[in-house]
C-alpha atoms as a PDB file:
ATOM      1  CA  MET A   1      21.159  32.379 -24.333  1.00  0.00           C
ATOM      2  CA  ARG A   2      17.428  32.697 -24.920  1.00  0.00           C
ATOM      3  CA  ASP A   3      17.288  29.099 -26.197  1.00  0.00           C
ATOM      4  CA  ASP A   4      18.960  27.889 -22.973  1.00  0.00           C
ATOM      5  CA  HIS A   5      16.258  29.565 -20.852  1.00  0.00           C
ATOM      6  CA  MET A   6      13.558  28.130 -23.092  1.00  0.00           C
ATOM      7  CA  SER A   7      14.980  24.610 -22.896  1.00  0.00           C
ATOM      8  CA  LYS A   8      15.199  24.900 -19.066  1.00  0.00           C
ATOM      9  CA  ALA A   9      11.626  26.134 -18.899  1.00  0.00           C
ATOM     10  CA  VAL A  10      10.443  23.267 -21.114  1.00  0.00           C
ATOM     11  CA  ALA A  11      12.394  20.723 -19.007  1.00  0.00           C
ATOM     12  CA  LEU A  12      10.932  22.086 -15.742  1.00  0.00           C
ATOM     13  CA  LEU A  13       7.443  22.053 -17.201  1.00  0.00           C
ATOM     14  CA  ALA A  14       7.918  18.437 -18.372  1.00  0.00           C
ATOM     15  CA  ILE A  15       9.122  17.400 -14.907  1.00  0.00           C
ATOM     16  CA  ALA A  16       6.187  19.178 -13.232  1.00  0.00           C
ATOM     17  CA  LEU A  17       3.706  17.477 -15.544  1.00  0.00           C
ATOM     18  CA  LEU A  18       5.270  14.087 -14.928  1.00  0.00           C
ATOM     19  CA  ALA A  19       5.455  14.619 -11.165  1.00  0.00           C
ATOM     20  CA  ALA A  20       1.846  15.742 -10.831  1.00  0.00           C
ATOM     21  CA  PRO A  21       0.269  12.293 -11.572  1.00  0.00           C
ATOM     22  CA  ALA A  22       2.891  10.617  -9.318  1.00  0.00           C
ATOM     23  CA  ALA A  23       2.032  12.939  -6.424  1.00  0.00           C
ATOM     24  CA  ALA A  24      -1.683  12.338  -6.967  1.00  0.00           C
ATOM     25  CA  ALA A  25      -1.172   8.582  -7.161  1.00  0.00           C
ATOM     26  CA  VAL A  26       0.351   8.253  -3.682  1.00  0.00           C
ATOM     27  CA  PRO A  27      -2.080   6.063  -1.712  1.00  0.00           C
ATOM     28  CA  PRO A  28      -3.272   7.058   1.763  1.00  0.00           C
ATOM     29  CA  ILE A  29      -1.459   5.498   4.696  1.00  0.00           C
ATOM     30  CA  ALA A  30      -2.667   2.026   5.791  1.00  0.00           C
ATOM     31  CA  MET A  31      -3.552   0.895   9.313  1.00  0.00           C
ATOM     32  CA  GLU A  32      -1.343  -1.882  10.663  1.00  0.00           C
ATOM     33  CA  ILE A  33      -3.026  -4.671  12.615  1.00  0.00           C
ATOM     34  CA  TYR A  34      -1.378  -7.557  14.463  1.00  0.00           C
ATOM     35  CA  GLY A  35      -1.924  -9.923  17.349  1.00  0.00           C
ATOM     36  CA  GLY A  36      -2.620 -13.410  18.515  1.00  0.00           C
ATOM     37  CA  ILE A  37      -4.822 -15.836  16.570  1.00  0.00           C
ATOM     38  CA  THR A  38      -6.528 -19.073  17.589  1.00  0.00           C
ATOM     39  CA  ILE A  39      -8.616 -21.585  15.766  1.00  0.00           C
ATOM     40  CA  ASP A  40     -10.921 -23.800  17.833  1.00  0.00           C
ATOM     41  CA  GLY A  41      -8.997 -22.718  20.942  1.00  0.00           C
ATOM     42  CA  GLU A  42      -5.546 -23.679  19.547  1.00  0.00           C
ATOM     43  CA  ASP A  43      -2.827 -21.412  18.142  1.00  0.00           C
ATOM     44  CA  ALA A  44      -3.363 -20.983  14.417  1.00  0.00           C
ATOM     45  CA  ILE A  45      -0.813 -22.885  12.329  1.00  0.00           C
ATOM     46  CA  GLU A  46       1.430 -21.497   9.622  1.00  0.00           C
ATOM     47  CA  GLY A  47      -0.414 -20.884   6.333  1.00  0.00           C
ATOM     48  CA  ILE A  48      -3.731 -19.636   7.806  1.00  0.00           C
ATOM     49  CA  LEU A  49      -5.139 -16.746   5.870  1.00  0.00           C
ATOM     50  CA  VAL A  50      -6.278 -13.627   7.794  1.00  0.00           C
ATOM     51  CA  GLU A  51      -8.302 -10.999   5.923  1.00  0.00           C
ATOM     52  CA  ALA A  52      -9.637  -7.609   6.964  1.00  0.00           C
ATOM     53  CA  TYR A  53     -12.654  -5.976   5.411  1.00  0.00           C
ATOM     54  CA  GLY A  54     -14.371  -2.635   5.781  1.00  0.00           C
ATOM     55  CA  GLU A  55     -17.914  -2.803   7.049  1.00  0.00           C
ATOM     56  CA  ASP A  56     -19.025  -2.317   3.405  1.00  0.00           C
ATOM     57  CA  GLY A  57     -17.447  -5.686   2.530  1.00  0.00           C
ATOM     58  CA  ARG A  58     -14.437  -4.229   0.649  1.00  0.00           C
ATOM     59  CA  LEU A  59     -11.232  -6.180   1.274  1.00  0.00           C
ATOM     60  CA  CYS A  60      -8.625  -3.847   2.749  1.00  0.00           C
ATOM     61  CA  GLY A  61      -5.817  -6.248   3.719  1.00  0.00           C
ATOM     62  CA  ARG A  62      -4.662  -9.819   4.152  1.00  0.00           C
ATOM     63  CA  PHE A  63      -1.889 -11.762   5.823  1.00  0.00           C
ATOM     64  CA  VAL A  64      -0.796 -15.394   5.884  1.00  0.00           C
ATOM     65  CA  VAL A  65       0.252 -16.654   9.321  1.00  0.00           C
ATOM     66  CA  GLU A  66       3.996 -17.354   9.422  1.00  0.00           C
ATOM     67  CA  VAL A  67       4.463 -17.842  13.175  1.00  0.00           C
ATOM     68  CA  PRO A  68       1.990 -20.137  14.926  1.00  0.00           C
ATOM     69  CA  GLY A  69      -0.494 -18.226  17.041  1.00  0.00           C
ATOM     70  CA  LYS A  70       0.422 -14.799  15.642  1.00  0.00           C
ATOM     71  CA  TYR A  71      -0.477 -12.695  12.623  1.00  0.00           C
ATOM     72  CA  GLY A  72       0.595  -9.324  11.264  1.00  0.00           C
ATOM     73  CA  LEU A  73       1.518  -6.827  10.420  1.00  0.00           C
ATOM     74  CA  LEU A  74      -1.618  -6.910   8.340  1.00  0.00           C
ATOM     75  CA  SER A  75      -1.831  -3.645   6.335  1.00  0.00           C
ATOM     76  CA  CYS A  76      -5.434  -2.553   6.072  1.00  0.00           C
ATOM     77  CA  ASN A  77      -5.420  -0.129   3.135  1.00  0.00           C
ATOM     78  CA  ALA A  78      -7.211   3.181   3.204  1.00  0.00           C
ATOM     79  CA  ASP A  79      -9.764   4.406   0.687  1.00  0.00           C
ATOM     80  CA  ASP A  80      -8.399   7.237  -1.458  1.00  0.00           C
ATOM     81  CA  PRO A  81     -10.904  10.145  -1.098  1.00  0.00           C
ATOM     82  CA  ASP A  82      -9.658  11.602  -4.379  1.00  0.00           C
ATOM     83  CA  THR A  83     -11.074   8.719  -6.423  1.00  0.00           C
ATOM     84  CA  GLU A  84     -14.579   7.440  -7.062  1.00  0.00           C
ATOM     85  CA  GLU A  85     -13.576   3.837  -6.534  1.00  0.00           C
ATOM     86  CA  ASP A  86     -13.611   2.355  -3.065  1.00  0.00           C
ATOM     87  CA  GLU A  87     -10.053   0.958  -2.564  1.00  0.00           C
ATOM     88  CA  GLY A  88     -10.132   0.293   1.182  1.00  0.00           C
ATOM     89  CA  ALA A  89     -11.414   1.428   4.556  1.00  0.00           C
ATOM     90  CA  SER A  90     -12.446   4.955   5.443  1.00  0.00           C
ATOM     91  CA  PRO A  91     -11.657   6.773   8.729  1.00  0.00           C
ATOM     92  CA  GLY A  92     -13.879   5.477  11.531  1.00  0.00           C
ATOM     93  CA  GLU A  93     -15.095   2.494   9.518  1.00  0.00           C
ATOM     94  CA  ALA A  94     -15.424  -0.775  11.466  1.00  0.00           C
ATOM     95  CA  ILE A  95     -13.012  -3.506  10.365  1.00  0.00           C
ATOM     96  CA  VAL A  96     -14.358  -7.071  10.061  1.00  0.00           C
ATOM     97  CA  PHE A  97     -11.999 -10.050  10.119  1.00  0.00           C
ATOM     98  CA  ARG A  98     -12.098 -13.459   8.412  1.00  0.00           C
ATOM     99  CA  ILE A  99      -9.858 -16.429   9.022  1.00  0.00           C
ATOM    100  CA  ASN A 100      -9.582 -18.853   6.064  1.00  0.00           C
ATOM    101  CA  ARG A 101     -12.647 -17.039   4.652  1.00  0.00           C
ATOM    102  CA  GLN A 102     -14.711 -17.876   7.766  1.00  0.00           C
ATOM    103  CA  ALA A 103     -16.047 -15.184  10.148  1.00  0.00           C
ATOM    104  CA  ALA A 104     -13.648 -14.389  12.931  1.00  0.00           C
ATOM    105  CA  VAL A 105     -14.242 -12.939  16.355  1.00  0.00           C
ATOM    106  CA  ALA A 106     -12.089  -9.963  17.378  1.00  0.00           C
ATOM    107  CA  GLU A 107     -11.482  -9.317  21.062  1.00  0.00           C
ATOM    108  CA  ARG A 108     -12.668  -5.699  20.495  1.00  0.00           C
ATOM    109  CA  GLN A 109     -14.092  -3.499  17.817  1.00  0.00           C
ATOM    110  CA  VAL A 110     -11.450  -2.052  15.498  1.00  0.00           C
ATOM    111  CA  LEU A 111     -12.192   1.287  13.768  1.00  0.00           C
ATOM    112  CA  PHE A 112      -9.999   2.202  10.811  1.00  0.00           C
ATOM    113  CA  GLU A 113      -7.494   4.997  11.524  1.00  0.00           C
ATOM    114  CA  ALA A 114      -4.813   5.626   8.918  1.00  0.00           C
ATOM    115  CA  GLY A 115      -1.252   5.269  10.240  1.00  0.00           C
ATOM    116  CA  GLU A 116      -2.321   3.626  13.476  1.00  0.00           C
ATOM    117  CA  PHE A 117      -1.166   0.264  14.887  1.00  0.00           C
ATOM    118  CA  ALA A 118      -3.721  -1.981  16.564  1.00  0.00           C
ATOM    119  CA  GLU A 119      -3.106  -5.143  18.521  1.00  0.00           C
ATOM    120  CA  VAL A 120      -6.177  -7.382  18.296  1.00  0.00           C
ATOM    121  CA  ARG A 121      -6.575 -11.031  19.212  1.00  0.00           C
ATOM    122  CA  LEU A 122      -8.662 -13.046  16.720  1.00  0.00           C
ATOM    123  CA  ALA A 123     -10.432 -16.361  17.091  1.00  0.00           C
ATOM    124  CA  ALA A 124     -12.422 -18.572  14.775  1.00  0.00           C
ATOM    125  CA  SER A 125     -13.895 -22.048  14.384  1.00  0.00           C
ATOM    126  CA  LEU A 126     -13.207 -23.677  11.012  1.00  0.00           C
ATOM    127  CA  PRO A 127     -15.123 -26.487   9.354  1.00  0.00           C
ATOM    128  CA  ASP A 128     -13.644 -29.953   9.904  1.00  0.00           C
ATOM    129  CA  GLY A 129     -10.897 -30.744   7.528  1.00  0.00           C
ATOM    130  CA  GLN A 130     -10.344 -27.248   6.178  1.00  0.00           C
ATOM    131  CA  GLN A 131      -6.659 -26.824   5.286  1.00  0.00           C
ATOM    132  CA  PRO A 132      -4.634 -23.641   5.587  1.00  0.00           C
ATOM    133  CA  PHE A 133      -4.090 -21.506   2.498  1.00  0.00           C
ATOM    134  CA  MET A 134      -0.487 -21.921   1.368  1.00  0.00           C
ATOM    135  CA  GLU A 135      -0.517 -18.963  -0.990  1.00  0.00           C
ATOM    136  CA  VAL A 136      -2.076 -15.557  -0.733  1.00  0.00           C
ATOM    137  CA  PRO A 137      -4.886 -15.311  -3.284  1.00  0.00           C
ATOM    138  CA  ALA A 138      -4.403 -12.696  -6.010  1.00  0.00           C
ATOM    139  CA  ASP A 139      -5.852  -9.246  -5.284  1.00  0.00           C
ATOM    140  CA  ASP A 140      -9.286  -8.636  -6.761  1.00  0.00           C
ATOM    141  CA  GLU A 141      -7.833  -5.461  -8.281  1.00  0.00           C
ATOM    142  CA  GLY A 142      -5.040  -7.174 -10.146  1.00  0.00           C
ATOM    143  CA  GLY A 143      -2.011  -6.810  -7.855  1.00  0.00           C
ATOM    144  CA  ALA A 144       0.705  -4.200  -7.534  1.00  0.00           C
ATOM    145  CA  PRO A 145       0.151  -0.564  -8.523  1.00  0.00           C
ATOM    146  CA  TRP A 146       2.293  -0.786 -11.662  1.00  0.00           C
ATOM    147  CA  LYS A 147       1.079   2.506 -13.098  1.00  0.00           C
ATOM    148  CA  THR A 148       2.215   4.368 -10.002  1.00  0.00           C
ATOM    149  CA  ILE A 149       5.587   2.648  -9.994  1.00  0.00           C
ATOM    150  CA  PHE A 150       6.032   3.348 -13.684  1.00  0.00           C
ATOM    151  CA  VAL A 151       5.248   7.084 -13.270  1.00  0.00           C
ATOM    152  CA  ALA A 152       7.682   7.282 -10.362  1.00  0.00           C
ATOM    153  CA  ILE A 153      10.444   5.708 -12.405  1.00  0.00           C
ATOM    154  CA  ILE A 154       9.840   8.181 -15.278  1.00  0.00           C
ATOM    155  CA  VAL A 155       9.954  11.112 -12.865  1.00  0.00           C
ATOM    156  CA  VAL A 156      13.240   9.871 -11.361  1.00  0.00           C
ATOM    157  CA  LEU A 157      14.771   9.324 -14.803  1.00  0.00           C
ATOM    158  CA  ALA A 158      13.717  12.809 -15.923  1.00  0.00           C
ATOM    159  CA  LEU A 159      15.298  14.318 -12.802  1.00  0.00           C
ATOM    160  CA  ILE A 160      18.520  12.416 -13.411  1.00  0.00           C
ATOM    161  CA  VAL A 161      18.663  13.629 -17.030  1.00  0.00           C
ATOM    162  CA  TRP A 162      17.879  17.185 -16.034  1.00  0.00           C
ATOM    163  CA  ASN A 163      20.515  17.097 -13.303  1.00  0.00           C
ATOM    164  CA  LYS A 164      23.147  15.705 -15.701  1.00  0.00           C
ATOM    165  CA  ARG A 165      22.336  18.473 -18.250  1.00  0.00           C
ATOM    166  CA  LEU A 166      22.634  21.056 -15.444  1.00  0.00           C
ATOM    167  CA  GLU A 167      26.044  19.679 -14.451  1.00  0.00           C
ATOM    168  CA  LEU A 168      27.252  19.860 -18.025  1.00  0.00           C
ATOM    169  CA  ARG A 169      25.986  23.413 -18.366  1.00  0.00           C
ATOM    170  CA  ILE A 170      27.825  24.448 -15.224  1.00  0.00           C
ATOM    171  CA  LYS A 171      31.011  22.863 -16.508  1.00  0.00           C
ATOM    172  CA  ASP A 172      30.596  24.764 -19.803  1.00  0.00           C
ATOM    173  CA  LEU A 173      30.107  28.074 -17.987  1.00  0.00           C
ATOM    174  CA  THR A 174      33.140  27.436 -15.757  1.00  0.00           C
ATOM    175  CA  ARG A 175      35.302  26.743 -18.812  1.00  0.00           C
ATOM    176  CA  LYS A 176      34.123  29.910 -20.539  1.00  0.00           C
ATOM    177  CA  ARG A 177      35.052  32.003 -17.494  1.00  0.00           C
ATOM    178  CA  GLU A 178      38.561  30.548 -17.381  1.00  0.00           C
END
């Protein structure tokens, strides 16, 4: 019986240790930005790249126009205050927009606020002959948060195994009582 308690304690400790990095790795909530978009007074065409930057120049989000004259939802990622690296915008930080890597004019100033939705019309003038981007450029940071996804999968698998062992233990106890 003592070994059963010890194995449960070890299993719970392992789950807690695996869950801790996953909980810490949850990124802050992004700000969602959308609206109308024009280039040289005309609705932007499909394939135009819209990027959002914090006032410090750090890219916080991008979107490729899919519907002429409209963009978004563009997720402007937040900076994680628990890390030293600057991953996105901070609360109250001004957001600067670029269209096809050219400066854009927003109808109003946008200040980052996690979890908020902001409708903002954007306009730009592009150099003659510049074509729309047809693919979103790769993130400067290397893409998806694979480490976070991997840790989450490990935690889920550990919980499934622990739950299955618990079910088997309950069945054993039920049989012993009969």
